[in-house]
C-alpha cells in the first residue's frame, strides 16, 4: 500500500477490500457501523454499500440471509449473537424478542406462544 493509500485508510478510506460489482477499492468510513463498506466509484452499477457477514461482502437486500435470516428492524444488522427472551421471561414482556447485538433495540419475534 502506497503513501496515499495509508493516508486514506487512517482517515476512513481504502479498506483493502474490492467492490464485488466493479472491483474498485471499498471505503470503510470511520464513523459508520463496523463491517460497513462503501464504493465511491461513480460508474459502479452495484449497490455501492456492502456489509461484511462472516468474511463475505453482501449487499443490502441479502443482508442477514447468510446467518439465520433474522435482521434488526432498526439497524438491519444480523440478530445472530443477540440475547433472546421468551414471553414473560423478563417479567413483563408478552412477546418473545431478541436484543440486537449492534444497536441494543428489542426486535419482537412472532410465533412463540405470546398472548394474542
C-alpha atoms as a PDB file:
ATOM      1  CA  UNK A   1       0.000   0.000   0.000  1.00  0.00           C
ATOM      2  CA  UNK A   2       1.409   3.371  -1.002  1.00  0.00           C
ATOM      3  CA  UNK A   3       1.611   6.585   0.983  1.00  0.00           C
ATOM      4  CA  UNK A   4      -1.781   7.894  -0.179  1.00  0.00           C
ATOM      5  CA  UNK A   5      -3.456   4.543   0.491  1.00  0.00           C
ATOM      6  CA  UNK A   6      -2.144   4.585   4.066  1.00  0.00           C
ATOM      7  CA  UNK A   7      -3.235   8.196   4.499  1.00  0.00           C
ATOM      8  CA  UNK A   8      -6.762   7.437   3.239  1.00  0.00           C
ATOM      9  CA  UNK A   9      -7.024   4.367   5.483  1.00  0.00           C
ATOM     10  CA  UNK A  10      -6.115   6.395   8.539  1.00  0.00           C
ATOM     11  CA  UNK A  11      -8.885   8.951   7.900  1.00  0.00           C
ATOM     12  CA  UNK A  12     -11.536   6.460   6.845  1.00  0.00           C
ATOM     13  CA  UNK A  13     -10.683   5.415   3.350  1.00  0.00           C
ATOM     14  CA  UNK A  14      -9.299   2.458   1.456  1.00  0.00           C
ATOM     15  CA  UNK A  15     -10.129  -0.787   3.217  1.00  0.00           C
ATOM     16  CA  UNK A  16      -8.054  -3.200   1.151  1.00  0.00           C
ATOM     17  CA  UNK A  17     -11.290  -4.911   0.036  1.00  0.00           C
ATOM     18  CA  UNK A  18     -12.631  -4.783  -3.506  1.00  0.00           C
ATOM     19  CA  UNK A  19     -16.140  -3.941  -4.614  1.00  0.00           C
ATOM     20  CA  UNK A  20     -17.877  -7.152  -5.743  1.00  0.00           C
ATOM     21  CA  UNK A  21     -19.531  -5.264  -8.626  1.00  0.00           C
ATOM     22  CA  UNK A  22     -16.794  -3.079 -10.130  1.00  0.00           C
ATOM     23  CA  UNK A  23     -13.548  -4.234  -8.471  1.00  0.00           C
ATOM     24  CA  UNK A  24     -12.581  -0.808  -7.105  1.00  0.00           C
ATOM     25  CA  UNK A  25     -11.276  -0.399  -3.547  1.00  0.00           C
ATOM     26  CA  UNK A  26     -14.058  -0.116  -0.960  1.00  0.00           C
ATOM     27  CA  UNK A  27     -14.033   2.542   1.746  1.00  0.00           C
ATOM     28  CA  UNK A  28     -14.584   1.798   5.404  1.00  0.00           C
ATOM     29  CA  UNK A  29     -15.901   5.046   6.865  1.00  0.00           C
ATOM     30  CA  UNK A  30     -14.588   5.578  10.380  1.00  0.00           C
ATOM     31  CA  UNK A  31     -17.910   6.944  11.692  1.00  0.00           C
ATOM     32  CA  UNK A  32     -20.036   4.071  10.369  1.00  0.00           C
ATOM     33  CA  UNK A  33     -21.003   0.730  11.870  1.00  0.00           C
ATOM     34  CA  UNK A  34     -18.217  -1.831  11.916  1.00  0.00           C
ATOM     35  CA  UNK A  35     -18.314  -4.042   8.820  1.00  0.00           C
ATOM     36  CA  UNK A  36     -19.934  -1.427   6.539  1.00  0.00           C
ATOM     37  CA  UNK A  37     -18.146  -0.566   3.296  1.00  0.00           C
ATOM     38  CA  UNK A  38     -18.887   1.915   0.513  1.00  0.00           C
ATOM     39  CA  UNK A  39     -17.854   2.005  -3.132  1.00  0.00           C
ATOM     40  CA  UNK A  40     -17.011   5.549  -4.234  1.00  0.00           C
ATOM     41  CA  UNK A  41     -16.708   4.669  -7.930  1.00  0.00           C
ATOM     42  CA  UNK A  42     -19.294   6.838  -9.736  1.00  0.00           C
ATOM     43  CA  UNK A  43     -19.546   4.345 -12.607  1.00  0.00           C
ATOM     44  CA  UNK A  44     -20.261   1.365 -10.330  1.00  0.00           C
ATOM     45  CA  UNK A  45     -23.559  -0.266 -11.252  1.00  0.00           C
ATOM     46  CA  UNK A  46     -23.974  -2.163  -7.955  1.00  0.00           C
ATOM     47  CA  UNK A  47     -25.494  -1.160  -4.624  1.00  0.00           C
ATOM     48  CA  UNK A  48     -22.344   0.787  -3.638  1.00  0.00           C
ATOM     49  CA  UNK A  49     -22.899  -0.164   0.054  1.00  0.00           C
ATOM     50  CA  UNK A  50     -21.827  -3.575   1.349  1.00  0.00           C
ATOM     51  CA  UNK A  51     -21.664  -5.342   4.704  1.00  0.00           C
ATOM     52  CA  UNK A  52     -19.217  -7.942   5.991  1.00  0.00           C
ATOM     53  CA  UNK A  53     -21.054 -11.060   7.156  1.00  0.00           C
ATOM     54  CA  UNK A  54     -18.681 -13.796   8.200  1.00  0.00           C
ATOM     55  CA  UNK A  55     -15.949 -12.614   5.830  1.00  0.00           C
ATOM     56  CA  UNK A  56     -18.304 -12.345   2.850  1.00  0.00           C
ATOM     57  CA  UNK A  57     -19.442  -9.000   1.426  1.00  0.00           C
ATOM     58  CA  UNK A  58     -23.201  -8.794   0.928  1.00  0.00           C
ATOM     59  CA  UNK A  59     -25.421  -6.062  -0.491  1.00  0.00           C
ATOM     60  CA  UNK A  60     -28.395  -4.612   1.445  1.00  0.00           C
ATOM     61  CA  UNK A  61     -31.108  -6.943   0.037  1.00  0.00           C
ATOM     62  CA  UNK A  62     -29.077 -10.024   1.028  1.00  0.00           C
ATOM     63  CA  UNK A  63     -28.003  -8.779   4.437  1.00  0.00           C
ATOM     64  CA  UNK A  64     -28.695 -11.216   7.243  1.00  0.00           C
ATOM     65  CA  UNK A  65     -29.578 -14.077   4.905  1.00  0.00           C
ATOM     66  CA  UNK A  66     -26.261 -15.828   5.456  1.00  0.00           C
ATOM     67  CA  UNK A  67     -26.687 -16.284   9.217  1.00  0.00           C
ATOM     68  CA  UNK A  68     -30.129 -17.342  10.326  1.00  0.00           C
ATOM     69  CA  UNK A  69     -32.039 -14.860   8.206  1.00  0.00           C
ATOM     70  CA  UNK A  70     -33.112 -12.511  11.015  1.00  0.00           C
ATOM     71  CA  UNK A  71     -32.135  -8.872  10.846  1.00  0.00           C
ATOM     72  CA  UNK A  72     -32.748  -5.953  13.180  1.00  0.00           C
ATOM     73  CA  UNK A  73     -35.719  -3.823  12.156  1.00  0.00           C
ATOM     74  CA  UNK A  74     -33.878  -0.711  13.419  1.00  0.00           C
ATOM     75  CA  UNK A  75     -30.323  -1.006  12.011  1.00  0.00           C
ATOM     76  CA  UNK A  76     -30.601  -4.037   9.657  1.00  0.00           C
ATOM     77  CA  UNK A  77     -27.700  -5.859  11.380  1.00  0.00           C
ATOM     78  CA  UNK A  78     -27.864  -9.641  11.779  1.00  0.00           C
ATOM     79  CA  UNK A  79     -29.538 -10.697  15.045  1.00  0.00           C
ATOM     80  CA  UNK A  80     -27.306 -13.749  15.434  1.00  0.00           C
ATOM     81  CA  UNK A  81     -25.489 -13.432  18.740  1.00  0.00           C
ATOM     82  CA  UNK A  82     -28.243 -11.276  20.261  1.00  0.00           C
ATOM     83  CA  UNK A  83     -29.884 -12.099  23.588  1.00  0.00           C
ATOM     84  CA  UNK A  84     -33.255 -13.869  23.170  1.00  0.00           C
ATOM     85  CA  UNK A  85     -36.198 -13.579  25.573  1.00  0.00           C
ATOM     86  CA  UNK A  86     -39.324 -15.763  25.559  1.00  0.00           C
ATOM     87  CA  UNK A  87     -42.723 -14.282  26.501  1.00  0.00           C
ATOM     88  CA  UNK A  88     -42.732 -13.172  30.163  1.00  0.00           C
ATOM     89  CA  UNK A  89     -39.124 -14.300  30.642  1.00  0.00           C
ATOM     90  CA  UNK A  90     -38.047 -10.851  31.837  1.00  0.00           C
ATOM     91  CA  UNK A  91     -41.283 -10.413  33.800  1.00  0.00           C
ATOM     92  CA  UNK A  92     -43.369  -8.055  31.694  1.00  0.00           C
ATOM     93  CA  UNK A  93     -42.912  -8.879  28.022  1.00  0.00           C
ATOM     94  CA  UNK A  94     -45.926 -10.500  26.353  1.00  0.00           C
ATOM     95  CA  UNK A  95     -43.914 -11.196  23.173  1.00  0.00           C
ATOM     96  CA  UNK A  96     -40.665 -13.008  22.502  1.00  0.00           C
ATOM     97  CA  UNK A  97     -37.869 -10.693  21.376  1.00  0.00           C
ATOM     98  CA  UNK A  98     -34.179 -10.598  20.502  1.00  0.00           C
ATOM     99  CA  UNK A  99     -31.956  -7.717  21.600  1.00  0.00           C
ATOM    100  CA  UNK A 100     -29.850  -6.591  18.642  1.00  0.00           C
ATOM    101  CA  UNK A 101     -26.133  -7.017  19.401  1.00  0.00           C
ATOM    102  CA  UNK A 102     -25.350  -3.854  17.402  1.00  0.00           C
ATOM    103  CA  UNK A 103     -27.909  -1.210  18.416  1.00  0.00           C
ATOM    104  CA  UNK A 104     -29.401  -2.893  21.553  1.00  0.00           C
ATOM    105  CA  UNK A 105     -33.017  -2.430  20.348  1.00  0.00           C
ATOM    106  CA  UNK A 106     -35.660  -5.096  21.046  1.00  0.00           C
ATOM    107  CA  UNK A 107     -36.899  -6.979  17.969  1.00  0.00           C
ATOM    108  CA  UNK A 108     -40.244  -8.738  18.562  1.00  0.00           C
ATOM    109  CA  UNK A 109     -40.328 -12.332  17.294  1.00  0.00           C
ATOM    110  CA  UNK A 110     -43.788 -13.710  16.490  1.00  0.00           C
ATOM    111  CA  UNK A 111     -44.911 -17.328  16.819  1.00  0.00           C
ATOM    112  CA  UNK A 112     -43.521 -18.114  20.281  1.00  0.00           C
ATOM    113  CA  UNK A 113     -46.833 -18.571  22.174  1.00  0.00           C
ATOM    114  CA  UNK A 114     -47.368 -14.919  23.031  1.00  0.00           C
ATOM    115  CA  UNK A 115     -50.749 -13.593  24.071  1.00  0.00           C
ATOM    116  CA  UNK A 116     -52.967 -12.576  21.166  1.00  0.00           C
END
